[in-house]
Amino acid sequence: MAVELEDREMSLVEHLAELRSRLIAALSATAAGTVVAWAWSGEFLSWLARPAGGLVFLAPTEAFFTRFKVAMFGGFLLALPIVLHQVWAFTARALGPRMRKMVSLILPVSYVLFVAGVLLAVLFVVPNAMRFLIAYGSPDVRPLLSVAAYVEFVATLALAFGAVFQLPLVLLLLDRLGIVTRSGLAAKRRVVYFAGFVAAAMLTPGPDVISQLALAVPIALLFELSLLAMRRPGP
């Protein structure tokens, strides 16, 4: 009995040691990515500010910390494949062979879809949203946007779009687990489309139709892509 308890304790210690090494690897990759992104953070922030017509900072440290946040976000995107690999390597032992194979295929696609959602938000939605929102100004009401508030606005949209673009993977995983079926989802296509437009209206700023369509249309396309993927047999 004592030997069994000692073995369990050693197993727990080994798991904790592995968790520590995985966390260190993920944090190190993120730190390295942040250093790389910092070199271009100034130029990227200037480019990001163009749709706003220029930004100001309201505190002596605001510009520096905002630039650092931009570098951290860029570093996170650069390091995300390594972070996902570390998470996968730590949790793979607890999964069965079928689930392990499925997750190993999903993770790379998840990264690509997340980056695609972020790029759609930054390159298309933010410029259109800013043109729409700034148009509500007047000669006596002129925009004076702080760099911190603007970057937070952009980051919120980017993360929301990146998360929404995970829809096919979520549906495919639920299908493989037997929680949903392709036929059941296909029968509710109109409901999903309506929910997609509602989500687009809630996630995009203001009643800007172009920005809403920029999210609602990809949601519909991703949903149809999910149905196509469900036709294939699982791994």
Protein backbone atom coordinates (compact mmCIF):
# COMPACT_ATOMS: atom_id res chain seq x y z
CA MET A 1 0.00 0.00 0.00
CA ALA A 2 2.84 2.36 0.89
CA VAL A 3 4.52 1.61 -2.43
CA GLU A 4 1.32 2.39 -4.33
CA LEU A 5 0.94 5.72 -2.53
CA GLU A 6 4.57 6.56 -3.25
CA ASP A 7 4.10 5.72 -6.94
CA ARG A 8 1.03 7.92 -7.11
CA GLU A 9 2.92 10.77 -5.45
CA MET A 10 5.81 10.40 -7.90
CA SER A 11 3.35 10.35 -10.79
CA LEU A 12 1.76 13.57 -9.54
CA VAL A 13 5.18 15.17 -9.12
CA GLU A 14 6.11 14.17 -12.65
CA HIS A 15 2.90 15.66 -14.00
CA LEU A 16 3.51 18.90 -12.12
CA ALA A 17 7.07 19.02 -13.41
CA GLU A 18 5.87 18.51 -16.96
CA LEU A 19 3.21 21.19 -16.50
CA ARG A 20 5.89 23.57 -15.26
CA SER A 21 8.13 22.88 -18.25
CA ARG A 22 5.23 23.31 -20.67
CA LEU A 23 4.26 26.63 -19.08
CA ILE A 24 7.85 27.85 -19.22
CA ALA A 25 8.09 26.90 -22.90
CA ALA A 26 4.80 28.66 -23.74
CA LEU A 27 5.70 31.81 -21.79
CA SER A 28 9.19 31.86 -23.29
CA ALA A 29 7.77 31.61 -26.80
CA THR A 30 5.32 34.43 -26.05
CA ALA A 31 8.10 36.58 -24.61
CA ALA A 32 10.28 35.95 -27.67
CA GLY A 33 7.37 36.77 -29.96
CA THR A 34 6.74 39.98 -28.03
CA VAL A 35 10.38 41.03 -28.47
CA VAL A 36 10.10 40.42 -32.21
CA ALA A 37 6.77 42.25 -32.46
CA TRP A 38 8.12 45.20 -30.43
CA ALA A 39 10.53 46.04 -33.25
CA TRP A 40 7.56 46.80 -35.54
CA SER A 41 5.02 47.87 -32.93
CA GLY A 42 5.56 51.59 -33.57
CA GLU A 43 5.01 51.29 -37.32
CA PHE A 44 2.07 48.96 -36.81
CA LEU A 45 0.46 51.33 -34.30
CA SER A 46 0.85 54.22 -36.76
CA TRP A 47 -0.76 52.15 -39.49
CA LEU A 48 -3.52 51.02 -37.14
CA ALA A 49 -4.28 54.65 -36.25
CA ARG A 50 -4.96 55.76 -39.83
CA PRO A 51 -8.69 54.92 -39.84
CA ALA A 52 -9.05 57.02 -36.69
CA GLY A 53 -7.40 60.04 -38.28
CA GLY A 54 -4.65 60.12 -35.66
CA LEU A 55 -4.58 59.37 -31.95
CA VAL A 56 -3.52 61.15 -28.78
CA PHE A 57 -2.36 59.90 -25.40
CA LEU A 58 -3.77 61.38 -22.22
CA ALA A 59 -1.13 60.22 -19.74
CA PRO A 60 2.68 60.24 -19.97
CA THR A 61 2.86 56.45 -19.88
CA GLU A 62 -0.19 55.70 -22.06
CA ALA A 63 1.62 55.57 -25.40
CA PHE A 64 4.41 53.34 -24.07
CA PHE A 65 2.11 50.83 -22.37
CA THR A 66 -0.25 50.75 -25.34
CA ARG A 67 2.65 50.02 -27.67
CA PHE A 68 3.74 47.29 -25.29
CA LYS A 69 0.24 45.78 -25.36
CA VAL A 70 0.31 45.83 -29.16
CA ALA A 71 3.66 44.02 -29.06
CA MET A 72 2.29 41.47 -26.59
CA PHE A 73 -0.72 40.79 -28.81
CA GLY A 74 1.53 40.38 -31.83
CA GLY A 75 3.86 38.16 -29.82
CA PHE A 76 0.92 36.05 -28.71
CA LEU A 77 -0.17 35.51 -32.32
CA LEU A 78 3.38 34.60 -33.33
CA ALA A 79 3.78 32.20 -30.42
CA LEU A 80 0.28 30.73 -30.54
CA PRO A 81 1.30 27.61 -32.56
CA ILE A 82 3.92 26.80 -29.92
CA VAL A 83 1.48 27.51 -27.09
CA LEU A 84 -1.12 25.24 -28.66
CA HIS A 85 1.49 22.53 -29.14
CA GLN A 86 2.47 22.70 -25.47
CA VAL A 87 -1.18 22.44 -24.40
CA TRP A 88 -1.67 19.54 -26.78
CA ALA A 89 1.47 17.71 -25.62
CA PHE A 90 0.39 17.98 -21.99
CA THR A 91 -3.21 16.85 -22.47
CA ALA A 92 -2.72 14.22 -25.21
CA ARG A 93 -2.00 11.41 -22.75
CA ALA A 94 -5.43 11.80 -21.19
CA LEU A 95 -7.20 11.37 -24.53
CA GLY A 96 -8.06 8.22 -26.40
CA PRO A 97 -6.44 7.47 -29.77
CA ARG A 98 -9.48 8.66 -31.76
CA MET A 99 -9.81 11.94 -29.87
CA ARG A 100 -6.04 12.45 -29.96
CA LYS A 101 -5.97 12.19 -33.72
CA MET A 102 -8.94 14.52 -34.04
CA VAL A 103 -7.43 17.23 -31.83
CA SER A 104 -4.08 16.98 -33.61
CA LEU A 105 -5.88 17.82 -36.85
CA ILE A 106 -8.03 20.55 -35.33
CA LEU A 107 -5.30 22.64 -33.67
CA PRO A 108 -3.52 23.84 -36.85
CA VAL A 109 -6.86 24.67 -38.48
CA SER A 110 -7.93 26.50 -35.33
CA TYR A 111 -4.87 28.74 -35.53
CA VAL A 112 -5.45 29.53 -39.22
CA LEU A 113 -9.12 30.35 -38.61
CA PHE A 114 -8.28 32.54 -35.61
CA VAL A 115 -5.72 34.55 -37.57
CA ALA A 116 -8.18 34.85 -40.47
CA GLY A 117 -10.80 36.29 -38.13
CA VAL A 118 -8.31 38.75 -36.66
CA LEU A 119 -7.18 39.89 -40.11
CA LEU A 120 -10.77 40.37 -41.28
CA ALA A 121 -11.49 42.55 -38.25
CA VAL A 122 -8.33 44.66 -38.51
CA LEU A 123 -8.15 45.04 -42.28
CA PHE A 124 -11.83 45.45 -43.14
CA VAL A 125 -14.19 45.92 -40.20
CA VAL A 126 -12.21 48.47 -38.19
CA PRO A 127 -11.68 50.95 -41.08
CA ASN A 128 -15.35 50.78 -42.09
CA ALA A 129 -16.54 51.02 -38.50
CA MET A 130 -14.33 54.05 -37.82
CA ARG A 131 -15.56 55.86 -40.93
CA PHE A 132 -19.12 55.23 -39.83
CA LEU A 133 -18.62 56.26 -36.20
CA ILE A 134 -16.46 59.33 -36.87
CA ALA A 135 -19.09 60.56 -39.33
CA TYR A 136 -21.30 61.35 -36.33
CA GLY A 137 -18.98 64.22 -35.45
CA SER A 138 -19.53 67.85 -36.41
CA PRO A 139 -17.46 71.04 -36.60
CA ASP A 140 -18.12 71.52 -32.89
CA VAL A 141 -17.85 67.82 -31.97
CA ARG A 142 -14.53 66.54 -33.28
CA PRO A 143 -12.99 63.15 -32.51
CA LEU A 144 -10.06 63.12 -30.13
CA LEU A 145 -9.38 59.43 -29.57
CA SER A 146 -6.88 58.19 -27.03
CA VAL A 147 -4.48 55.52 -28.19
CA ALA A 148 -5.36 53.20 -25.29
CA ALA A 149 -9.14 53.34 -25.91
CA TYR A 150 -8.70 52.86 -29.64
CA VAL A 151 -6.37 49.86 -29.34
CA GLU A 152 -8.75 48.29 -26.82
CA PHE A 153 -11.58 48.78 -29.31
CA VAL A 154 -9.58 47.14 -32.12
CA ALA A 155 -8.38 44.28 -29.89
CA THR A 156 -11.92 43.53 -28.73
CA LEU A 157 -13.15 43.29 -32.30
CA ALA A 158 -10.16 41.19 -33.37
CA LEU A 159 -10.60 38.69 -30.54
CA ALA A 160 -14.36 38.48 -31.15
CA PHE A 161 -13.85 37.74 -34.84
CA GLY A 162 -11.11 35.23 -34.08
CA ALA A 163 -13.39 33.43 -31.64
CA VAL A 164 -16.37 33.39 -34.05
CA PHE A 165 -14.16 31.81 -36.73
CA GLN A 166 -13.80 28.75 -34.50
CA LEU A 167 -17.41 27.84 -35.28
CA PRO A 168 -16.65 25.01 -37.77
CA LEU A 169 -14.30 23.30 -35.35
CA VAL A 170 -16.78 23.52 -32.47
CA LEU A 171 -19.59 22.06 -34.56
CA LEU A 172 -17.35 19.35 -35.99
CA LEU A 173 -16.19 18.36 -32.50
CA LEU A 174 -19.77 18.27 -31.21
CA ASP A 175 -20.72 16.12 -34.17
CA ARG A 176 -17.90 13.65 -33.53
CA LEU A 177 -18.92 13.46 -29.86
CA GLY A 178 -22.51 12.69 -30.85
CA ILE A 179 -23.95 15.85 -29.28
CA VAL A 180 -25.24 17.26 -32.57
CA THR A 181 -25.89 15.75 -36.00
CA ARG A 182 -25.42 17.09 -39.49
CA SER A 183 -29.07 16.51 -40.39
CA GLY A 184 -30.22 18.29 -37.25
CA LEU A 185 -28.03 21.32 -37.96
CA ALA A 186 -29.04 21.42 -41.61
CA ALA A 187 -32.70 21.48 -40.60
CA LYS A 188 -32.01 24.56 -38.47
CA ARG A 189 -30.08 26.43 -41.17
CA ARG A 190 -32.42 29.44 -41.14
CA VAL A 191 -32.17 29.70 -37.35
CA VAL A 192 -28.37 29.61 -37.57
CA TYR A 193 -28.32 32.30 -40.26
CA PHE A 194 -30.61 34.51 -38.19
CA ALA A 195 -28.46 33.95 -35.08
CA GLY A 196 -25.39 34.81 -37.16
CA PHE A 197 -26.85 38.15 -38.18
CA VAL A 198 -27.89 38.86 -34.58
CA ALA A 199 -24.38 38.02 -33.38
CA ALA A 200 -22.90 40.25 -36.10
CA ALA A 201 -25.15 43.12 -35.03
CA MET A 202 -24.04 42.71 -31.41
CA LEU A 203 -20.32 42.29 -32.08
CA THR A 204 -19.87 45.06 -34.66
CA PRO A 205 -20.03 48.69 -33.50
CA GLY A 206 -23.07 50.72 -34.46
CA PRO A 207 -25.62 50.01 -37.20
CA ASP A 208 -22.92 49.75 -39.86
CA VAL A 209 -24.38 47.30 -42.40
CA ILE A 210 -21.06 46.68 -44.15
CA SER A 211 -19.32 45.64 -40.93
CA GLN A 212 -22.27 43.45 -39.94
CA LEU A 213 -22.23 41.69 -43.30
CA ALA A 214 -18.46 41.25 -42.98
CA LEU A 215 -19.13 39.01 -39.99
CA ALA A 216 -22.56 37.56 -40.82
CA VAL A 217 -21.54 36.27 -44.25
CA PRO A 218 -18.43 34.42 -42.96
CA ILE A 219 -20.55 32.89 -40.19
CA ALA A 220 -22.93 31.49 -42.82
CA LEU A 221 -20.02 30.25 -44.96
CA LEU A 222 -18.30 28.68 -41.96
CA PHE A 223 -21.54 26.96 -41.00
CA GLU A 224 -21.87 25.47 -44.50
CA LEU A 225 -18.21 24.45 -44.35
CA SER A 226 -18.98 22.67 -41.09
CA LEU A 227 -21.80 20.72 -42.71
CA LEU A 228 -19.49 19.67 -45.54
CA ALA A 229 -16.83 18.55 -43.07
CA MET A 230 -19.39 16.47 -41.19
CA ARG A 231 -20.00 14.36 -44.30
CA ARG A 232 -16.54 12.89 -44.02
CA PRO A 233 -16.05 9.96 -41.63
CA GLY A 234 -14.27 10.78 -38.38
CA PRO A 235 -10.60 9.95 -37.80
